Protein backbone atom coordinates (compact mmCIF):
# COMPACT_ATOMS: atom_id res chain seq x y z
CA UNK A 1 -150.54 11.95 48.78
CA UNK A 2 -148.89 15.22 49.83
CA UNK A 3 -146.54 13.22 52.01
CA UNK A 4 -145.49 11.02 49.07
CA UNK A 5 -144.84 14.09 46.93
CA UNK A 6 -142.72 15.65 49.70
CA UNK A 7 -140.75 12.42 50.10
CA UNK A 8 -140.25 12.24 46.32
CA UNK A 9 -139.12 15.88 46.13
CA UNK A 10 -136.79 15.43 49.14
CA UNK A 11 -135.28 12.30 47.59
CA UNK A 12 -134.82 14.17 44.31
CA UNK A 13 -133.12 17.09 46.03
CA UNK A 14 -130.84 14.72 47.95
CA UNK A 15 -130.01 12.89 44.73
CA UNK A 16 -129.16 16.17 42.99
CA UNK A 17 -127.00 17.25 45.94
CA UNK A 18 -125.22 13.89 45.93
CA UNK A 19 -124.60 14.10 42.16
CA UNK A 20 -123.26 17.64 42.44
CA UNK A 21 -121.06 16.67 45.38
CA UNK A 22 -119.71 13.64 43.49
CA UNK A 23 -119.06 15.75 40.40
CA UNK A 24 -117.30 18.40 42.50
CA UNK A 25 -115.22 15.74 44.27
CA UNK A 26 -114.17 14.18 40.95
CA UNK A 27 -113.27 17.62 39.59
CA UNK A 28 -111.21 18.45 42.68
CA UNK A 29 -109.51 15.05 42.50
CA UNK A 30 -108.62 15.66 38.86
CA UNK A 31 -107.30 19.15 39.64
CA UNK A 32 -105.21 17.75 42.52
CA UNK A 33 -103.77 15.05 40.23
CA UNK A 34 -102.86 17.66 37.61
CA UNK A 35 -101.20 19.84 40.25
CA UNK A 36 -99.25 16.84 41.53
CA UNK A 37 -98.13 16.02 37.97
CA UNK A 38 -96.99 19.61 37.55
CA UNK A 39 -95.02 19.56 40.81
CA UNK A 40 -93.50 16.16 39.99
CA UNK A 41 -92.63 17.26 36.46
CA UNK A 42 -90.84 20.37 37.69
CA UNK A 43 -89.03 18.44 40.41
CA UNK A 44 -87.99 15.67 38.02
CA UNK A 45 -86.66 18.29 35.61
CA UNK A 46 -84.47 19.84 38.33
CA UNK A 47 -83.20 16.46 39.51
CA UNK A 48 -82.46 15.38 35.93
CA UNK A 49 -80.84 18.71 34.99
CA UNK A 50 -78.48 18.70 37.97
CA UNK A 51 -77.52 15.03 37.62
CA UNK A 52 -76.89 15.65 33.92
CA UNK A 53 -74.57 18.55 34.74
CA UNK A 54 -72.70 16.46 37.29
CA UNK A 55 -72.27 13.70 34.70
CA UNK A 56 -70.76 16.13 32.21
CA UNK A 57 -68.28 17.29 34.84
CA UNK A 58 -66.20 14.20 34.11
CA UNK A 59 -64.13 16.23 31.68
CA UNK A 60 -63.19 18.59 34.48
CA UNK A 61 -60.26 17.88 36.72
CA UNK A 62 -61.04 16.97 40.29
CA UNK A 63 -60.62 20.29 42.09
CA UNK A 64 -62.11 21.65 45.28
CA UNK A 65 -64.04 24.21 43.18
CA UNK A 66 -65.58 21.44 41.09
CA UNK A 67 -66.44 19.51 44.25
CA UNK A 68 -68.09 22.64 45.62
CA UNK A 69 -70.17 22.86 42.45
CA UNK A 70 -71.14 19.18 42.76
CA UNK A 71 -72.12 19.77 46.40
CA UNK A 72 -74.40 22.64 45.38
CA UNK A 73 -76.02 20.53 42.67
CA UNK A 74 -76.51 17.63 45.07
CA UNK A 75 -78.20 19.96 47.56
CA UNK A 76 -80.71 20.93 44.86
CA UNK A 77 -81.11 17.28 43.84
CA UNK A 78 -81.79 16.23 47.42
CA UNK A 79 -84.41 18.93 47.92
CA UNK A 80 -86.33 18.03 44.76
CA UNK A 81 -85.86 14.29 45.39
CA UNK A 82 -87.69 14.68 48.70
CA UNK A 83 -90.59 16.30 46.84
CA UNK A 84 -90.66 13.49 44.28
CA UNK A 85 -90.47 10.73 46.89
CA UNK A 86 -93.29 12.36 48.83
CA UNK A 87 -95.39 12.82 45.68
CA UNK A 88 -95.14 9.21 44.51
CA UNK A 89 -95.16 7.75 48.01
CA UNK A 90 -91.91 5.81 47.60
CA UNK A 91 -88.64 6.83 49.21
CA UNK A 92 -86.07 6.09 46.51
CA UNK A 93 -84.38 9.20 45.09
CA UNK A 94 -83.70 11.06 48.33
CA UNK A 95 -81.64 8.24 49.94
CA UNK A 96 -79.57 8.04 46.75
CA UNK A 97 -78.93 11.79 46.87
CA UNK A 98 -77.89 11.33 50.52
CA UNK A 99 -75.33 8.67 49.53
CA UNK A 100 -73.92 10.89 46.79
CA UNK A 101 -73.65 13.78 49.26
CA UNK A 102 -71.88 11.67 51.86
CA UNK A 103 -69.30 10.49 49.33
CA UNK A 104 -68.67 14.07 48.18
CA UNK A 105 -68.36 15.25 51.79
CA UNK A 106 -65.77 12.53 52.38
CA UNK A 107 -63.80 13.68 49.32
CA UNK A 108 -63.94 17.30 50.51
CA UNK A 109 -62.79 16.24 53.99
CA UNK A 110 -59.88 14.32 52.44
CA UNK A 111 -58.92 17.45 50.53
CA UNK A 112 -59.06 19.52 53.73
CA UNK A 113 -56.91 16.97 55.58
CA UNK A 114 -54.34 16.42 52.80
CA UNK A 115 -54.35 19.76 50.99
CA UNK A 116 -54.98 17.89 47.75
CA UNK A 117 -56.99 15.04 46.28
CA UNK A 118 -55.28 11.66 46.32
CA UNK A 119 -55.24 9.14 43.48
CA UNK A 120 -57.81 7.18 45.47
CA UNK A 121 -60.05 10.27 45.60
CA UNK A 122 -59.86 10.58 41.81
CA UNK A 123 -60.96 6.96 41.43
CA UNK A 124 -63.85 7.49 43.85
CA UNK A 125 -64.89 10.65 41.97
CA UNK A 126 -64.83 8.80 38.64
CA UNK A 127 -66.96 6.03 40.16
CA UNK A 128 -69.38 8.64 41.45
CA UNK A 129 -69.69 10.15 37.96
CA UNK A 130 -70.34 6.69 36.49
CA UNK A 131 -73.15 6.12 39.00
CA UNK A 132 -74.64 9.50 38.11
CA UNK A 133 -74.68 8.46 34.45
CA UNK A 134 -76.57 5.32 35.45
CA UNK A 135 -79.29 7.14 37.37
CA UNK A 136 -80.29 9.35 34.44
CA UNK A 137 -81.96 6.64 32.30
CA UNK A 138 -83.41 5.07 35.45
CA UNK A 139 -85.22 8.31 36.24
CA UNK A 140 -86.68 8.36 32.73
CA UNK A 141 -87.74 4.73 32.85
CA UNK A 142 -89.20 4.76 36.36
CA UNK A 143 -90.62 8.22 36.89
CA UNK A 144 -92.22 8.98 33.53
CA UNK A 145 -95.26 7.38 31.93
CA UNK A 146 -93.98 5.05 29.19
CA UNK A 147 -94.57 6.32 25.67
CA UNK A 148 -95.85 9.69 26.86
CA UNK A 149 -95.14 12.42 24.38
CA UNK A 150 -91.44 13.23 24.68
CA UNK A 151 -91.43 11.46 28.04
CA UNK A 152 -93.08 14.52 29.50
CA UNK A 153 -95.78 12.98 31.69
CA UNK A 154 -94.59 12.10 35.18
CA UNK A 155 -95.98 8.93 36.73
CA UNK A 156 -98.03 9.43 39.88
CA UNK A 157 -97.18 5.94 41.08
CA UNK A 158 -94.07 3.89 40.54
CA UNK A 159 -93.79 0.15 40.76
CA UNK A 160 -90.26 -1.08 40.25
CA UNK A 161 -87.41 0.58 42.11
CA UNK A 162 -85.14 -2.46 41.96
CA UNK A 163 -82.45 -0.79 39.84
CA UNK A 164 -82.51 2.28 42.07
CA UNK A 165 -82.04 0.02 45.09
CA UNK A 166 -79.06 -1.64 43.39
CA UNK A 167 -77.57 1.78 42.67
CA UNK A 168 -78.09 2.78 46.30
CA UNK A 169 -76.34 -0.41 47.42
CA UNK A 170 -73.38 0.31 45.13
CA UNK A 171 -73.17 3.82 46.59
CA UNK A 172 -73.23 2.35 50.09
CA UNK A 173 -70.35 0.07 49.06
CA UNK A 174 -68.41 3.03 47.69
CA UNK A 175 -69.14 4.98 50.85
CA UNK A 176 -68.17 2.07 53.10
CA UNK A 177 -64.96 1.39 51.20
CA UNK A 178 -64.02 5.05 51.17
CA UNK A 179 -64.54 5.50 54.88
CA UNK A 180 -62.40 2.44 55.62
CA UNK A 181 -59.74 3.55 53.15
CA UNK A 182 -60.02 0.42 51.02
CA UNK A 183 -62.21 1.45 48.11
CA UNK A 184 -61.93 -0.83 45.11
CA UNK A 185 -63.70 0.32 41.94
CA UNK A 186 -66.17 -2.13 40.48
CA UNK A 187 -68.32 -2.46 37.39
CA UNK A 188 -71.21 -0.05 37.79
CA UNK A 189 -73.22 -0.53 34.64
CA UNK A 190 -76.52 -2.33 35.20
CA UNK A 191 -77.09 -5.63 33.45
CA UNK A 192 -79.21 -5.22 30.38
């Protein structure tokens, strides 16, 4: 009889320990998810903010100072894009930031070689700005929970990066055309 009571008490203690451990694990998992949302939210804000500022630079003339400013913003975008890609487990934003940076570096190198921006450089810059305008709504649609209050809740997982891949391919085309000296502007707006 004593043995049965000891077994019953031991089983009860083990059950209580298991319940407490499970509760603690769930709590830690929830805390980790909230921290990840906070990190993603902050990173998305910085990516959005800097892309938005680049897109409004279209009114500015193409100058080396403006290109320097774009380079600085793209450095920030790349850094936060790496955080976002790591957080959601999908590499999508960082390669796009890389493509933007490579195009800007090419424009800066052209300026260094020629002492000025060429008409072709202006066209490439305008195409770059158009692509930046396209990425802004894509970030909202892909990286935020639909219908969250004011679009403020970042998604912890993303499913469809098709439009981002298309944008990356267009940037690769721009980059390839620029490096070969035969860039031809094309329609950049996604099909709705």
